[in-house]
Amino acid sequence: MLAITLEEAQNIAVGLVVVFAVGAIVAAWIMKTIMQKLVVAVVFGVLAFAVWTQRSSLQDCADKVIDAYEFDGRNPTIIDTECSFFGTTITISDPRTPPTDNAPEAPE
């Protein structure tokens, strides 16, 4: 039979408290790094999902631009098309038409 004295039990208890305190600190540090990795993984997952869901918006926009394309046999024109991407409306104009606001005049 194992017999210990009160003083030995107190010393063992102090040792166990120190071991448990160190274990708690190490566990908190490990959990912190695991949580950081988990948070980063969740953020990247949300970004990937957002981009994935916008694929259909991009395809719809491409279809609108193709539908707005006119060809009369000689000169193709693109009618201004509005598309939505991440809730922002974007206007796609014919890139060959010069901008009308503050356009510099050609030198004579």
PDB file of N, CA and C in Angstrom:
ATOM      1  N   MET A   1       0.836  -1.168   0.000  1.00  0.00           N
ATOM      2  CA  MET A   1       0.000   0.000   0.000  1.00  0.00           C
ATOM      3  C   MET A   1       0.883   1.233   0.000  1.00  0.00           C
ATOM      4  N   LEU A   2       0.443   2.259  -0.771  1.00  0.00           N
ATOM      5  CA  LEU A   2       1.194   3.497  -0.904  1.00  0.00           C
ATOM      6  C   LEU A   2       0.701   4.473   0.146  1.00  0.00           C
ATOM      7  N   ALA A   3       1.617   4.967   0.922  1.00  0.00           N
ATOM      8  CA  ALA A   3       1.251   5.926   1.959  1.00  0.00           C
ATOM      9  C   ALA A   3       2.092   7.171   1.764  1.00  0.00           C
ATOM     10  N   ILE A   4       1.422   8.336   1.764  1.00  0.00           N
ATOM     11  CA  ILE A   4       2.140   9.587   1.677  1.00  0.00           C
ATOM     12  C   ILE A   4       1.714  10.467   2.836  1.00  0.00           C
ATOM     13  N   THR A   5       2.600  11.352   3.152  1.00  0.00           N
ATOM     14  CA  THR A   5       2.300  12.258   4.251  1.00  0.00           C
ATOM     15  C   THR A   5       1.567  13.475   3.709  1.00  0.00           C
ATOM     16  N   LEU A   6       1.061  14.282   4.635  1.00  0.00           N
ATOM     17  CA  LEU A   6       0.363  15.504   4.264  1.00  0.00           C
ATOM     18  C   LEU A   6       1.308  16.463   3.542  1.00  0.00           C
ATOM     19  N   GLU A   7       2.536  16.555   3.995  1.00  0.00           N
ATOM     20  CA  GLU A   7       3.513  17.445   3.361  1.00  0.00           C
ATOM     21  C   GLU A   7       3.838  16.992   1.937  1.00  0.00           C
ATOM     22  N   GLU A   8       3.975  15.696   1.720  1.00  0.00           N
ATOM     23  CA  GLU A   8       4.231  15.184   0.378  1.00  0.00           C
ATOM     24  C   GLU A   8       3.028  15.452  -0.539  1.00  0.00           C
ATOM     25  N   ALA A   9       1.840  15.307  -0.016  1.00  0.00           N
ATOM     26  CA  ALA A   9       0.624  15.558  -0.798  1.00  0.00           C
ATOM     27  C   ALA A   9       0.552  17.031  -1.204  1.00  0.00           C
ATOM     28  N   GLN A  10       0.934  17.929  -0.284  1.00  0.00           N
ATOM     29  CA  GLN A  10       0.931  19.349  -0.602  1.00  0.00           C
ATOM     30  C   GLN A  10       1.970  19.665  -1.687  1.00  0.00           C
ATOM     31  N   ASN A  11       3.149  19.058  -1.593  1.00  0.00           N
ATOM     32  CA  ASN A  11       4.190  19.259  -2.609  1.00  0.00           C
ATOM     33  C   ASN A  11       3.737  18.733  -3.978  1.00  0.00           C
ATOM     34  N   ILE A  12       3.096  17.575  -3.985  1.00  0.00           N
ATOM     35  CA  ILE A  12       2.574  17.013  -5.232  1.00  0.00           C
ATOM     36  C   ILE A  12       1.502  17.940  -5.808  1.00  0.00           C
ATOM     37  N   ALA A  13       0.649  18.472  -4.942  1.00  0.00           N
ATOM     38  CA  ALA A  13      -0.409  19.373  -5.389  1.00  0.00           C
ATOM     39  C   ALA A  13       0.187  20.635  -6.005  1.00  0.00           C
ATOM     40  N   VAL A  14       1.221  21.196  -5.387  1.00  0.00           N
ATOM     41  CA  VAL A  14       1.872  22.386  -5.938  1.00  0.00           C
ATOM     42  C   VAL A  14       2.488  22.059  -7.302  1.00  0.00           C
ATOM     43  N   GLY A  15       3.126  20.913  -7.393  1.00  0.00           N
ATOM     44  CA  GLY A  15       3.718  20.491  -8.672  1.00  0.00           C
ATOM     45  C   GLY A  15       2.662  20.320  -9.746  1.00  0.00           C
ATOM     46  N   LEU A  16       1.533  19.722  -9.389  1.00  0.00           N
ATOM     47  CA  LEU A  16       0.454  19.542 -10.353  1.00  0.00           C
ATOM     48  C   LEU A  16      -0.147  20.884 -10.785  1.00  0.00           C
ATOM     49  N   VAL A  17      -0.261  21.820  -9.849  1.00  0.00           N
ATOM     50  CA  VAL A  17      -0.767  23.148 -10.201  1.00  0.00           C
ATOM     51  C   VAL A  17       0.154  23.802 -11.220  1.00  0.00           C
ATOM     52  N   VAL A  18       1.459  23.700 -11.011  1.00  0.00           N
ATOM     53  CA  VAL A  18       2.423  24.276 -11.953  1.00  0.00           C
ATOM     54  C   VAL A  18       2.305  23.585 -13.311  1.00  0.00           C
ATOM     55  N   VAL A  19       2.226  22.267 -13.328  1.00  0.00           N
ATOM     56  CA  VAL A  19       2.098  21.518 -14.580  1.00  0.00           C
ATOM     57  C   VAL A  19       0.812  21.903 -15.305  1.00  0.00           C
ATOM     58  N   PHE A  20      -0.305  21.996 -14.571  1.00  0.00           N
ATOM     59  CA  PHE A  20      -1.577  22.369 -15.196  1.00  0.00           C
ATOM     60  C   PHE A  20      -1.559  23.817 -15.704  1.00  0.00           C
ATOM     61  N   ALA A  21      -0.914  24.710 -14.967  1.00  0.00           N
ATOM     62  CA  ALA A  21      -0.831  26.106 -15.415  1.00  0.00           C
ATOM     63  C   ALA A  21      -0.011  26.207 -16.704  1.00  0.00           C
ATOM     64  N   VAL A  22       1.124  25.525 -16.747  1.00  0.00           N
ATOM     65  CA  VAL A  22       1.944  25.512 -17.954  1.00  0.00           C
ATOM     66  C   VAL A  22       1.167  24.860 -19.094  1.00  0.00           C
ATOM     67  N   GLY A  23       0.473  23.775 -18.805  1.00  0.00           N
ATOM     68  CA  GLY A  23      -0.349  23.106 -19.818  1.00  0.00           C
ATOM     69  C   GLY A  23      -1.444  24.026 -20.359  1.00  0.00           C
ATOM     70  N   ALA A  24      -2.048  24.817 -19.470  1.00  0.00           N
ATOM     71  CA  ALA A  24      -3.088  25.742 -19.910  1.00  0.00           C
ATOM     72  C   ALA A  24      -2.511  26.823 -20.819  1.00  0.00           C
ATOM     73  N   ILE A  25      -1.340  27.335 -20.489  1.00  0.00           N
ATOM     74  CA  ILE A  25      -0.696  28.350 -21.324  1.00  0.00           C
ATOM     75  C   ILE A  25      -0.336  27.770 -22.692  1.00  0.00           C
ATOM     76  N   VAL A  26       0.238  26.573 -22.692  1.00  0.00           N
ATOM     77  CA  VAL A  26       0.602  25.922 -23.958  1.00  0.00           C
ATOM     78  C   VAL A  26      -0.653  25.634 -24.781  1.00  0.00           C
ATOM     79  N   ALA A  27      -1.710  25.152 -24.137  1.00  0.00           N
ATOM     80  CA  ALA A  27      -2.960  24.863 -24.854  1.00  0.00           C
ATOM     81  C   ALA A  27      -3.557  26.136 -25.437  1.00  0.00           C
ATOM     82  N   ALA A  28      -3.520  27.225 -24.675  1.00  0.00           N
ATOM     83  CA  ALA A  28      -4.053  28.494 -25.186  1.00  0.00           C
ATOM     84  C   ALA A  28      -3.248  28.975 -26.389  1.00  0.00           C
ATOM     85  N   TRP A  29      -1.933  28.823 -26.350  1.00  0.00           N
ATOM     86  CA  TRP A  29      -1.088  29.233 -27.461  1.00  0.00           C
ATOM     87  C   TRP A  29      -1.369  28.375 -28.696  1.00  0.00           C
ATOM     88  N   ILE A  30      -1.493  27.063 -28.509  1.00  0.00           N
ATOM     89  CA  ILE A  30      -1.791  26.162 -29.623  1.00  0.00           C
ATOM     90  C   ILE A  30      -3.170  26.472 -30.194  1.00  0.00           C
ATOM     91  N   MET A  31      -4.146  26.680 -29.332  1.00  0.00           N
ATOM     92  CA  MET A  31      -5.495  26.983 -29.798  1.00  0.00           C
ATOM     93  C   MET A  31      -5.524  28.320 -30.543  1.00  0.00           C
ATOM     94  N   LYS A  32      -4.705  29.272 -30.101  1.00  0.00           N
ATOM     95  CA  LYS A  32      -4.639  30.567 -30.775  1.00  0.00           C
ATOM     96  C   LYS A  32      -4.168  30.385 -32.206  1.00  0.00           C
ATOM     97  N   THR A  33      -3.121  29.605 -32.419  1.00  0.00           N
ATOM     98  CA  THR A  33      -2.625  29.399 -33.774  1.00  0.00           C
ATOM     99  C   THR A  33      -3.625  28.600 -34.603  1.00  0.00           C
ATOM    100  N   ILE A  34      -4.296  27.662 -33.992  1.00  0.00           N
ATOM    101  CA  ILE A  34      -5.317  26.897 -34.714  1.00  0.00           C
ATOM    102  C   ILE A  34      -6.469  27.813 -35.097  1.00  0.00           C
ATOM    103  N   MET A  35      -6.895  28.676 -34.186  1.00  0.00           N
ATOM    104  CA  MET A  35      -7.990  29.596 -34.480  1.00  0.00           C
ATOM    105  C   MET A  35      -7.592  30.580 -35.578  1.00  0.00           C
ATOM    106  N   GLN A  36      -6.340  31.048 -35.552  1.00  0.00           N
ATOM    107  CA  GLN A  36      -5.893  31.953 -36.606  1.00  0.00           C
ATOM    108  C   GLN A  36      -5.936  31.256 -37.965  1.00  0.00           C
ATOM    109  N   LYS A  37      -5.488  30.017 -38.011  1.00  0.00           N
ATOM    110  CA  LYS A  37      -5.530  29.262 -39.264  1.00  0.00           C
ATOM    111  C   LYS A  37      -6.970  29.048 -39.711  1.00  0.00           C
ATOM    112  N   LEU A  38      -7.837  28.756 -38.760  1.00  0.00           N
ATOM    113  CA  LEU A  38      -9.245  28.542 -39.080  1.00  0.00           C
ATOM    114  C   LEU A  38      -9.892  29.824 -39.624  1.00  0.00           C
ATOM    115  N   VAL A  39      -9.587  30.962 -38.987  1.00  0.00           N
ATOM    116  CA  VAL A  39     -10.151  32.239 -39.438  1.00  0.00           C
ATOM    117  C   VAL A  39      -9.663  32.570 -40.850  1.00  0.00           C
ATOM    118  N   VAL A  40      -8.380  32.384 -41.110  1.00  0.00           N
ATOM    119  CA  VAL A  40      -7.839  32.657 -42.445  1.00  0.00           C
ATOM    120  C   VAL A  40      -8.487  31.731 -43.476  1.00  0.00           C
ATOM    121  N   ALA A  41      -8.649  30.460 -43.134  1.00  0.00           N
ATOM    122  CA  ALA A  41      -9.287  29.518 -44.053  1.00  0.00           C
ATOM    123  C   ALA A  41     -10.733  29.922 -44.339  1.00  0.00           C
ATOM    124  N   VAL A  42     -11.449  30.377 -43.316  1.00  0.00           N
ATOM    125  CA  VAL A  42     -12.838  30.811 -43.510  1.00  0.00           C
ATOM    126  C   VAL A  42     -12.891  32.054 -44.400  1.00  0.00           C
ATOM    127  N   VAL A  43     -11.990  33.011 -44.181  1.00  0.00           N
ATOM    128  CA  VAL A  43     -11.972  34.228 -45.008  1.00  0.00           C
ATOM    129  C   VAL A  43     -11.715  33.878 -46.470  1.00  0.00           C
ATOM    130  N   PHE A  44     -10.729  33.014 -46.724  1.00  0.00           N
ATOM    131  CA  PHE A  44     -10.451  32.622 -48.105  1.00  0.00           C
ATOM    132  C   PHE A  44     -11.620  31.839 -48.700  1.00  0.00           C
ATOM    133  N   GLY A  45     -12.274  31.035 -47.888  1.00  0.00           N
ATOM    134  CA  GLY A  45     -13.446  30.308 -48.361  1.00  0.00           C
ATOM    135  C   GLY A  45     -14.577  31.244 -48.753  1.00  0.00           C
ATOM    136  N   VAL A  46     -14.816  32.280 -47.951  1.00  0.00           N
ATOM    137  CA  VAL A  46     -15.862  33.261 -48.273  1.00  0.00           C
ATOM    138  C   VAL A  46     -15.512  34.011 -49.556  1.00  0.00           C
ATOM    139  N   LEU A  47     -14.253  34.408 -49.706  1.00  0.00           N
ATOM    140  CA  LEU A  47     -13.832  35.100 -50.935  1.00  0.00           C
ATOM    141  C   LEU A  47     -13.988  34.196 -52.160  1.00  0.00           C
ATOM    142  N   ALA A  48     -13.618  32.925 -52.020  1.00  0.00           N
ATOM    143  CA  ALA A  48     -13.764  31.986 -53.135  1.00  0.00           C
ATOM    144  C   ALA A  48     -15.230  31.818 -53.501  1.00  0.00           C
ATOM    145  N   PHE A  49     -16.100  31.730 -52.496  1.00  0.00           N
ATOM    146  CA  PHE A  49     -17.538  31.589 -52.750  1.00  0.00           C
ATOM    147  C   PHE A  49     -18.088  32.827 -53.451  1.00  0.00           C
ATOM    148  N   ALA A  50     -17.643  33.999 -53.016  1.00  0.00           N
ATOM    149  CA  ALA A  50     -18.120  35.246 -53.632  1.00  0.00           C
ATOM    150  C   ALA A  50     -17.716  35.315 -55.101  1.00  0.00           C
ATOM    151  N   VAL A  51     -16.488  34.972 -55.404  1.00  0.00           N
ATOM    152  CA  VAL A  51     -16.031  34.997 -56.799  1.00  0.00           C
ATOM    153  C   VAL A  51     -16.769  33.934 -57.603  1.00  0.00           C
ATOM    154  N   TRP A  52     -16.981  32.764 -57.019  1.00  0.00           N
ATOM    155  CA  TRP A  52     -17.682  31.676 -57.701  1.00  0.00           C
ATOM    156  C   TRP A  52     -19.105  32.094 -58.072  1.00  0.00           C
ATOM    157  N   THR A  53     -19.786  32.795 -57.165  1.00  0.00           N
ATOM    158  CA  THR A  53     -21.155  33.205 -57.438  1.00  0.00           C
ATOM    159  C   THR A  53     -21.220  34.318 -58.478  1.00  0.00           C
ATOM    160  N   GLN A  54     -20.146  35.055 -58.679  1.00  0.00           N
ATOM    161  CA  GLN A  54     -20.131  36.137 -59.666  1.00  0.00           C
ATOM    162  C   GLN A  54     -19.861  35.635 -61.079  1.00  0.00           C
ATOM    163  N   ARG A  55     -19.517  34.354 -61.225  1.00  0.00           N
ATOM    164  CA  ARG A  55     -19.274  33.799 -62.556  1.00  0.00           C
ATOM    165  C   ARG A  55     -20.486  33.994 -63.457  1.00  0.00           C
ATOM    166  N   SER A  56     -21.664  33.719 -62.914  1.00  0.00           N
ATOM    167  CA  SER A  56     -22.871  33.852 -63.734  1.00  0.00           C
ATOM    168  C   SER A  56     -23.101  35.314 -64.121  1.00  0.00           C
ATOM    169  N   SER A  57     -22.771  36.242 -63.224  1.00  0.00           N
ATOM    170  CA  SER A  57     -22.898  37.663 -63.570  1.00  0.00           C
ATOM    171  C   SER A  57     -21.955  38.034 -64.709  1.00  0.00           C
ATOM    172  N   LEU A  58     -20.755  37.493 -64.684  1.00  0.00           N
ATOM    173  CA  LEU A  58     -19.807  37.764 -65.767  1.00  0.00           C
ATOM    174  C   LEU A  58     -20.300  37.176 -67.084  1.00  0.00           C
ATOM    175  N   GLN A  59     -20.878  35.978 -67.040  1.00  0.00           N
ATOM    176  CA  GLN A  59     -21.402  35.359 -68.256  1.00  0.00           C
ATOM    177  C   GLN A  59     -22.597  36.148 -68.788  1.00  0.00           C
ATOM    178  N   ASP A  60     -23.469  36.592 -67.875  1.00  0.00           N
ATOM    179  CA  ASP A  60     -24.606  37.415 -68.290  1.00  0.00           C
ATOM    180  C   ASP A  60     -24.128  38.710 -68.944  1.00  0.00           C
ATOM    181  N   CYS A  61     -23.088  39.309 -68.381  1.00  0.00           N
ATOM    182  CA  CYS A  61     -22.536  40.545 -68.938  1.00  0.00           C
ATOM    183  C   CYS A  61     -21.969  40.289 -70.330  1.00  0.00           C
ATOM    184  N   ALA A  62     -21.240  39.208 -70.487  1.00  0.00           N
ATOM    185  CA  ALA A  62     -20.678  38.881 -71.798  1.00  0.00           C
ATOM    186  C   ALA A  62     -21.797  38.660 -72.809  1.00  0.00           C
ATOM    187  N   ASP A  63     -22.877  37.990 -72.395  1.00  0.00           N
ATOM    188  CA  ASP A  63     -24.007  37.782 -73.298  1.00  0.00           C
ATOM    189  C   ASP A  63     -24.659  39.105 -73.681  1.00  0.00           C
ATOM    190  N   LYS A  64     -24.782  40.034 -72.721  1.00  0.00           N
ATOM    191  CA  LYS A  64     -25.368  41.347 -73.020  1.00  0.00           C
ATOM    192  C   LYS A  64     -24.518  42.109 -74.024  1.00  0.00           C
ATOM    193  N   VAL A  65     -23.200  42.053 -73.849  1.00  0.00           N
ATOM    194  CA  VAL A  65     -22.296  42.760 -74.759  1.00  0.00           C
ATOM    195  C   VAL A  65     -22.401  42.157 -76.156  1.00  0.00           C
ATOM    196  N   ILE A  66     -22.462  40.837 -76.247  1.00  0.00           N
ATOM    197  CA  ILE A  66     -22.590  40.188 -77.556  1.00  0.00           C
ATOM    198  C   ILE A  66     -23.920  40.572 -78.200  1.00  0.00           C
ATOM    199  N   ASP A  67     -24.996  40.612 -77.404  1.00  0.00           N
ATOM    200  CA  ASP A  67     -26.298  41.007 -77.941  1.00  0.00           C
ATOM    201  C   ASP A  67     -26.299  42.466 -78.398  1.00  0.00           C
ATOM    202  N   ALA A  68     -25.491  43.311 -77.741  1.00  0.00           N
ATOM    203  CA  ALA A  68     -25.461  44.729 -78.085  1.00  0.00           C
ATOM    204  C   ALA A  68     -24.534  45.025 -79.260  1.00  0.00           C
ATOM    205  N   TYR A  69     -23.849  44.008 -79.751  1.00  0.00           N
ATOM    206  CA  TYR A  69     -22.913  44.175 -80.867  1.00  0.00           C
ATOM    207  C   TYR A  69     -23.704  44.165 -82.173  1.00  0.00           C
ATOM    208  N   GLU A  70     -23.490  45.169 -82.973  1.00  0.00           N
ATOM    209  CA  GLU A  70     -24.183  45.263 -84.254  1.00  0.00           C
ATOM    210  C   GLU A  70     -23.142  45.334 -85.361  1.00  0.00           C
ATOM    211  N   PHE A  71     -23.430  44.672 -86.450  1.00  0.00           N
ATOM    212  CA  PHE A  71     -22.514  44.702 -87.589  1.00  0.00           C
ATOM    213  C   PHE A  71     -23.343  44.923 -88.839  1.00  0.00           C
ATOM    214  N   ASP A  72     -23.063  46.025 -89.505  1.00  0.00           N
ATOM    215  CA  ASP A  72     -23.847  46.363 -90.693  1.00  0.00           C
ATOM    216  C   ASP A  72     -23.143  45.924 -91.976  1.00  0.00           C
ATOM    217  N   GLY A  73     -22.137  45.113 -91.876  1.00  0.00           N
ATOM    218  CA  GLY A  73     -21.402  44.659 -93.059  1.00  0.00           C
ATOM    219  C   GLY A  73     -20.076  45.354 -93.217  1.00  0.00           C
ATOM    220  N   ARG A  74     -19.972  46.560 -92.661  1.00  0.00           N
ATOM    221  CA  ARG A  74     -18.714  47.297 -92.786  1.00  0.00           C
ATOM    222  C   ARG A  74     -18.193  47.782 -91.442  1.00  0.00           C
ATOM    223  N   ASN A  75     -19.081  48.342 -90.627  1.00  0.00           N
ATOM    224  CA  ASN A  75     -18.641  48.959 -89.378  1.00  0.00           C
ATOM    225  C   ASN A  75     -19.347  48.313 -88.184  1.00  0.00           C
ATOM    226  N   PRO A  76     -18.599  47.612 -87.376  1.00  0.00           N
ATOM    227  CA  PRO A  76     -19.231  47.071 -86.166  1.00  0.00           C
ATOM    228  C   PRO A  76     -19.371  48.171 -85.117  1.00  0.00           C
ATOM    229  N   THR A  77     -20.437  48.147 -84.366  1.00  0.00           N
ATOM    230  CA  THR A  77     -20.626  49.087 -83.258  1.00  0.00           C
ATOM    231  C   THR A  77     -21.071  48.311 -82.028  1.00  0.00           C
ATOM    232  N   ILE A  78     -20.726  48.839 -80.909  1.00  0.00           N
ATOM    233  CA  ILE A  78     -21.135  48.248 -79.640  1.00  0.00           C
ATOM    234  C   ILE A  78     -21.993  49.272 -78.921  1.00  0.00           C
ATOM    235  N   ILE A  79     -23.214  48.897 -78.602  1.00  0.00           N
ATOM    236  CA  ILE A  79     -24.115  49.772 -77.859  1.00  0.00           C
ATOM    237  C   ILE A  79     -23.720  49.677 -76.386  1.00  0.00           C
ATOM    238  N   ASP A  80     -23.750  50.817 -75.691  1.00  0.00           N
ATOM    239  CA  ASP A  80     -23.394  50.821 -74.269  1.00  0.00           C
ATOM    240  C   ASP A  80     -24.204  49.758 -73.525  1.00  0.00           C
ATOM    241  N   THR A  81     -23.508  48.988 -72.695  1.00  0.00           N
ATOM    242  CA  THR A  81     -24.128  47.902 -71.941  1.00  0.00           C
ATOM    243  C   THR A  81     -23.793  48.080 -70.475  1.00  0.00           C
ATOM    244  N   GLU A  82     -24.778  47.916 -69.610  1.00  0.00           N
ATOM    245  CA  GLU A  82     -24.547  48.003 -68.171  1.00  0.00           C
ATOM    246  C   GLU A  82     -24.576  46.604 -67.574  1.00  0.00           C
ATOM    247  N   CYS A  83     -23.568  46.324 -66.750  1.00  0.00           N
ATOM    248  CA  CYS A  83     -23.457  45.037 -66.075  1.00  0.00           C
ATOM    249  C   CYS A  83     -23.287  45.290 -64.581  1.00  0.00           C
ATOM    250  N   SER A  84     -23.621  44.298 -63.799  1.00  0.00           N
ATOM    251  CA  SER A  84     -23.471  44.407 -62.357  1.00  0.00           C
ATOM    252  C   SER A  84     -22.475  43.365 -61.880  1.00  0.00           C
ATOM    253  N   PHE A  85     -21.509  43.815 -61.093  1.00  0.00           N
ATOM    254  CA  PHE A  85     -20.489  42.924 -60.547  1.00  0.00           C
ATOM    255  C   PHE A  85     -20.265  43.298 -59.095  1.00  0.00           C
ATOM    256  N   PHE A  86     -20.516  42.370 -58.183  1.00  0.00           N
ATOM    257  CA  PHE A  86     -20.438  42.609 -56.734  1.00  0.00           C
ATOM    258  C   PHE A  86     -21.277  43.814 -56.331  1.00  0.00           C
ATOM    259  N   GLY A  87     -22.434  43.975 -56.977  1.00  0.00           N
ATOM    260  CA  GLY A  87     -23.346  45.057 -56.631  1.00  0.00           C
ATOM    261  C   GLY A  87     -22.983  46.402 -57.233  1.00  0.00           C
ATOM    262  N   THR A  88     -21.943  46.459 -58.028  1.00  0.00           N
ATOM    263  CA  THR A  88     -21.525  47.705 -58.667  1.00  0.00           C
ATOM    264  C   THR A  88     -21.903  47.649 -60.137  1.00  0.00           C
ATOM    265  N   THR A  89     -22.548  48.703 -60.615  1.00  0.00           N
ATOM    266  CA  THR A  89     -22.935  48.766 -62.017  1.00  0.00           C
ATOM    267  C   THR A  89     -21.776  49.312 -62.835  1.00  0.00           C
ATOM    268  N   ILE A  90     -21.442  48.595 -63.881  1.00  0.00           N
ATOM    269  CA  ILE A  90     -20.330  48.964 -64.756  1.00  0.00           C
ATOM    270  C   ILE A  90     -20.891  49.151 -66.161  1.00  0.00           C
ATOM    271  N   THR A  91     -20.534  50.244 -66.808  1.00  0.00           N
ATOM    272  CA  THR A  91     -20.965  50.500 -68.178  1.00  0.00           C
ATOM    273  C   THR A  91     -19.841  50.137 -69.130  1.00  0.00           C
ATOM    274  N   ILE A  92     -20.162  49.306 -70.107  1.00  0.00           N
ATOM    275  CA  ILE A  92     -19.190  48.903 -71.114  1.00  0.00           C
ATOM    276  C   ILE A  92     -19.551  49.626 -72.408  1.00  0.00           C
ATOM    277  N   SER A  93     -18.645  50.474 -72.853  1.00  0.00           N
ATOM    278  CA  SER A  93     -18.874  51.268 -74.059  1.00  0.00           C
ATOM    279  C   SER A  93     -17.991  50.755 -75.179  1.00  0.00           C
ATOM    280  N   ASP A  94     -18.287  51.214 -76.379  1.00  0.00           N
ATOM    281  CA  ASP A  94     -17.451  50.886 -77.528  1.00  0.00           C
ATOM    282  C   ASP A  94     -16.088  51.532 -77.301  1.00  0.00           C
ATOM    283  N   PRO A  95     -15.020  50.768 -77.257  1.00  0.00           N
ATOM    284  CA  PRO A  95     -13.708  51.352 -76.947  1.00  0.00           C
ATOM    285  C   PRO A  95     -13.172  52.243 -78.055  1.00  0.00           C
ATOM    286  N   ARG A  96     -13.760  52.201 -79.224  1.00  0.00           N
ATOM    287  CA  ARG A  96     -13.259  52.999 -80.339  1.00  0.00           C
ATOM    288  C   ARG A  96     -13.837  54.394 -80.358  1.00  0.00           C
ATOM    289  N   THR A  97     -14.921  54.624 -79.622  1.00  0.00           N
ATOM    290  CA  THR A  97     -15.513  55.960 -79.620  1.00  0.00           C
ATOM    291  C   THR A  97     -14.761  56.839 -78.641  1.00  0.00           C
ATOM    292  N   PRO A  98     -14.386  58.048 -79.048  1.00  0.00           N
ATOM    293  CA  PRO A  98     -13.634  58.922 -78.142  1.00  0.00           C
ATOM    294  C   PRO A  98     -14.541  59.423 -77.024  1.00  0.00           C
ATOM    295  N   PRO A  99     -13.983  59.654 -75.853  1.00  0.00           N
ATOM    296  CA  PRO A  99     -14.785  60.197 -74.759  1.00  0.00           C
ATOM    297  C   PRO A  99     -15.275  61.597 -75.106  1.00  0.00           C
ATOM    298  N   THR A 100     -16.477  61.939 -74.668  1.00  0.00           N
ATOM    299  CA  THR A 100     -17.067  63.223 -75.022  1.00  0.00           C
ATOM    300  C   THR A 100     -16.747  64.323 -74.037  1.00  0.00           C
ATOM    301  N   ASP A 101     -16.390  63.990 -72.811  1.00  0.00           N
ATOM    302  CA  ASP A 101     -16.137  65.027 -71.808  1.00  0.00           C
ATOM    303  C   ASP A 101     -14.670  65.455 -71.826  1.00  0.00           C
ATOM    304  N   ASN A 102     -14.466  66.729 -72.076  1.00  0.00           N
ATOM    305  CA  ASN A 102     -13.136  67.345 -72.071  1.00  0.00           C
ATOM    306  C   ASN A 102     -12.174  66.664 -73.043  1.00  0.00           C
ATOM    307  N   ALA A 103     -12.662  66.267 -74.182  1.00  0.00           N
ATOM    308  CA  ALA A 103     -11.785  65.644 -75.163  1.00  0.00           C
ATOM    309  C   ALA A 103     -10.913  66.715 -75.794  1.00  0.00           C
ATOM    310  N   PRO A 104      -9.604  66.478 -75.880  1.00  0.00           N
ATOM    311  CA  PRO A 104      -8.735  67.470 -76.500  1.00  0.00           C
ATOM    312  C   PRO A 104      -9.004  67.531 -78.005  1.00  0.00           C
ATOM    313  N   GLU A 105      -8.935  68.740 -78.535  1.00  0.00           N
ATOM    314  CA  GLU A 105      -9.163  68.909 -79.961  1.00  0.00           C
ATOM    315  C   GLU A 105      -7.895  68.578 -80.722  1.00  0.00           C
ATOM    316  N   ALA A 106      -8.101  68.080 -81.931  1.00  0.00           N
ATOM    317  CA  ALA A 106      -6.951  67.719 -82.759  1.00  0.00           C
ATOM    318  C   ALA A 106      -6.260  68.994 -83.255  1.00  0.00           C
ATOM    319  N   PRO A 107      -4.934  69.001 -83.269  1.00  0.00           N
ATOM    320  CA  PRO A 107      -4.217  70.197 -83.752  1.00  0.00           C
ATOM    321  C   PRO A 107      -4.433  70.363 -85.249  1.00  0.00           C
ATOM    322  N   GLU A 108      -4.470  71.603 -85.701  1.00  0.00           N
ATOM    323  CA  GLU A 108      -4.697  71.886 -87.125  1.00  0.00           C
ATOM    324  C   GLU A 108      -3.415  72.104 -87.853  1.00  0.00           C
TER     325      GLU A 108
END
